[in-house]
Protein backbone atom coordinates (compact mmCIF):
# COMPACT_ATOMS: atom_id res chain seq x y z
CA MET A 1 5.16 16.26 26.20
CA GLN A 2 6.00 17.39 22.69
CA ALA A 3 3.77 16.60 19.74
CA LYS A 4 6.46 14.45 18.12
CA THR A 5 6.69 12.31 21.25
CA GLN A 6 2.93 11.86 21.46
CA ILE A 7 2.64 10.88 17.81
CA ALA A 8 5.64 8.55 18.15
CA ILE A 9 3.93 6.78 21.05
CA LEU A 10 0.73 6.29 19.07
CA ILE A 11 2.58 5.04 16.00
CA GLY A 12 4.77 2.84 18.21
CA LEU A 13 1.71 1.11 19.66
CA MET A 14 0.39 0.32 16.20
CA ALA A 15 3.83 -0.76 15.00
CA ASN A 16 4.12 -3.07 18.02
CA ALA A 17 0.93 -4.88 17.01
CA VAL A 18 2.04 -5.21 13.39
CA ILE A 19 5.54 -6.44 14.23
CA PHE A 20 4.18 -8.93 16.76
CA GLY A 21 1.55 -10.20 14.32
CA PHE A 22 4.11 -10.66 11.56
CA GLY A 23 6.47 -12.48 13.93
CA ALA A 24 3.74 -14.69 15.34
CA ILE A 25 2.63 -15.71 11.85
CA VAL A 26 6.21 -16.57 10.93
CA VAL A 27 6.76 -18.57 14.12
CA LEU A 28 3.51 -20.49 13.86
CA SER A 29 3.75 -21.23 10.13
CA VAL A 30 7.37 -22.48 10.02
CA PRO A 31 7.38 -26.06 11.39
CA PRO A 32 10.78 -25.97 13.17
CA LEU A 33 9.82 -22.72 14.91
CA ALA A 34 6.32 -23.97 15.70
CA ALA A 35 7.83 -26.95 17.49
CA ASN A 36 9.65 -24.52 19.80
CA ALA A 37 6.86 -21.96 20.05
CA MET A 38 7.21 -21.78 23.85
CA VAL A 39 10.64 -20.18 23.31
CA ALA A 40 10.10 -18.43 19.98
CA LEU A 41 6.96 -16.44 20.85
CA PRO A 42 8.49 -14.68 23.88
CA VAL A 43 11.41 -13.75 21.63
CA VAL A 44 8.93 -12.26 19.14
CA VAL A 45 7.31 -10.28 21.97
CA ALA A 46 10.69 -8.93 23.13
CA VAL A 47 11.75 -8.00 19.60
CA SER A 48 8.46 -6.24 18.91
CA PHE A 49 8.76 -4.24 22.14
CA ALA A 50 12.35 -3.31 21.23
CA LEU A 51 11.64 -2.26 17.64
CA SER A 52 8.33 -0.44 18.01
CA PRO A 53 9.68 2.76 19.67
CA LEU A 54 12.31 3.05 16.94
CA VAL A 55 9.68 2.70 14.21
CA GLY A 56 7.44 5.21 15.95
CA TRP A 57 10.22 7.75 16.35
CA TYR A 58 11.23 7.30 12.69
CA LEU A 59 7.69 7.73 11.34
CA ALA A 60 6.50 10.55 13.63
CA PRO A 61 8.01 13.45 11.63
CA ARG A 62 6.53 12.00 8.45
CA ALA A 63 3.11 11.81 10.07
CA MET A 64 3.42 15.46 11.12
CA ALA A 65 4.47 16.70 7.67
CA ARG A 66 1.94 18.48 5.52
CA ASN A 67 3.30 17.13 2.25
CA TRP A 68 5.59 14.15 2.41
CA ARG A 69 7.01 13.24 -0.95
CA GLU A 70 10.49 12.86 -2.32
CA GLY A 71 12.17 16.17 -1.71
CA ALA A 72 8.98 17.93 -0.60
CA TYR A 73 9.24 17.35 3.15
CA ARG A 74 7.96 20.38 5.06
CA PRO A 75 7.20 20.03 8.78
CA ILE A 76 4.22 21.79 10.32
CA ARG A 77 5.10 24.97 12.17
CA THR A 78 3.59 25.19 15.61
CA ARG A 79 3.04 28.31 17.64
CA ARG A 80 4.40 28.61 21.12
């Protein structure tokens, strides 16, 4: 497995928890959604599972960069 894939998996797991937590807070704090929490929470789980790999794949190169600023992106060179 490549380093980008491994880092994307780790970031995706953390992003999954954050997205689910945000969605659960929204569902449980909005009264119309809280009334239908038996339907809304599984939707939040499905959305968090769907979005977390995309977030992980987007953030992985930035986590691998030595200096990540505007215009100063330089990926780490790895030896093979």
